[in-house]
Protein backbone atom coordinates (compact mmCIF):
# COMPACT_ATOMS: atom_id res chain seq x y z
CA MET A 1 120.60 66.03 49.44
CA ARG A 2 119.50 66.94 52.89
CA LEU A 3 115.85 67.88 51.43
CA GLU A 4 115.39 64.32 49.90
CA GLY A 5 116.51 62.29 52.87
CA ALA A 6 114.22 64.62 55.52
CA LEU A 7 111.15 63.66 53.10
CA LEU A 8 112.51 60.21 52.88
CA LEU A 9 112.28 60.14 56.24
CA LEU A 10 109.03 62.00 56.46
CA SER A 11 107.66 59.49 54.50
CA GLY A 12 109.12 56.57 55.95
CA LEU A 13 107.26 57.50 58.99
CA ALA A 14 103.85 58.15 57.82
CA VAL A 15 103.89 54.42 56.51
CA ILE A 16 105.20 53.30 59.49
CA LEU A 17 102.23 55.37 61.52
CA TYR A 18 99.21 54.58 59.24
CA SER A 19 100.58 50.51 59.43
CA TRP A 20 100.47 50.36 63.30
CA LYS A 21 96.86 52.40 63.54
CA ARG A 22 95.99 49.84 61.05
CA TYR A 23 97.33 47.17 63.08
CA HIS A 24 95.83 47.56 66.19
CA LEU A 25 92.73 48.51 64.22
CA MET A 26 92.71 45.07 62.74
CA LEU A 27 93.86 43.73 66.45
CA THR A 28 90.21 45.19 68.42
CA ILE A 29 88.41 44.12 66.19
CA ALA A 30 89.77 40.22 66.14
CA GLU A 31 89.62 41.09 69.95
CA ARG A 32 85.66 41.90 69.94
CA LEU A 33 84.61 38.95 67.71
CA GLY A 34 87.02 36.51 69.97
CA GLU A 35 85.03 37.44 72.93
CA GLN A 36 82.07 36.55 71.53
CA ALA A 37 83.03 32.88 70.23
CA THR A 38 81.36 30.89 72.63
CA CYS A 39 78.31 29.33 72.21
CA PRO A 40 75.59 30.57 73.66
CA GLY A 41 73.72 27.48 73.53
CA CYS A 42 76.20 24.72 74.91
CA LYS A 43 79.14 27.62 76.09
CA ALA A 44 81.41 25.78 73.79
CA TYR A 45 83.91 28.27 73.00
CA ALA A 46 85.40 28.33 69.42
CA LYS A 47 83.34 25.17 68.39
CA PHE A 48 82.13 26.20 65.24
CA ARG A 49 81.72 27.13 62.02
CA ILE A 50 81.23 30.13 60.09
CA GLU A 51 77.84 30.47 57.54
CA SER A 52 78.09 33.97 56.34
CA SER A 53 80.00 37.14 57.02
CA GLY A 54 79.94 40.67 56.14
CA PRO A 55 81.48 44.32 56.04
CA SER A 56 78.47 45.65 56.46
CA PRO A 57 76.45 46.49 59.62
CA LEU A 58 73.65 44.63 60.49
CA PRO A 59 70.15 46.01 60.57
CA ASP A 60 69.82 46.52 64.17
CA GLY A 61 73.36 48.42 64.47
CA GLY A 62 76.89 47.89 64.56
CA ASP A 63 79.76 49.03 67.00
CA PRO A 64 80.15 52.96 66.56
CA ALA A 65 83.94 52.40 66.87
CA LEU A 66 83.97 50.05 64.40
CA GLU A 67 81.79 52.08 62.24
CA ASP A 68 84.36 55.11 61.37
CA HIS A 69 86.70 53.01 59.81
CA GLY A 70 84.38 52.01 56.98
CA GLY A 71 81.68 49.67 58.65
CA GLY A 72 80.57 46.67 60.46
CA ILE A 73 82.32 43.12 60.35
CA TRP A 74 79.60 40.17 61.59
CA LEU A 75 80.17 36.68 61.49
CA ARG A 76 77.09 34.26 61.52
CA ALA A 77 78.06 31.21 63.60
CA ARG A 78 76.73 27.83 63.78
CA CYS A 79 78.06 25.65 66.76
CA ARG A 80 79.45 22.17 66.26
CA GLN A 81 78.46 20.85 69.56
CA CYS A 82 74.57 21.86 69.74
CA GLY A 83 74.05 23.38 66.26
CA ASP A 84 72.74 26.69 67.94
CA GLN A 85 73.51 30.01 65.39
CA TRP A 86 74.56 33.58 66.82
CA MET A 87 76.11 36.56 65.39
CA LEU A 88 79.30 37.90 66.29
CA LYS A 89 79.34 41.57 65.57
């Protein structure tokens, strides 16, 4: 019974560690994308719509920190106010 309890405890700790690391990665990605949510044309913040997106890196390269976790994330955005387009990576 003690061995089973110890294995259950270690399994639970492994799940917690994996979940925390994944949560931290997703939060980092959201923060990086949020920093780029300002239109370069009219400087409107968060007034855009997503035209396209993808999990693979762009041809000009992606963020090395995100590349280590299975590929970069990019969004092609269009401003609702001025119609300007830009990439969030």
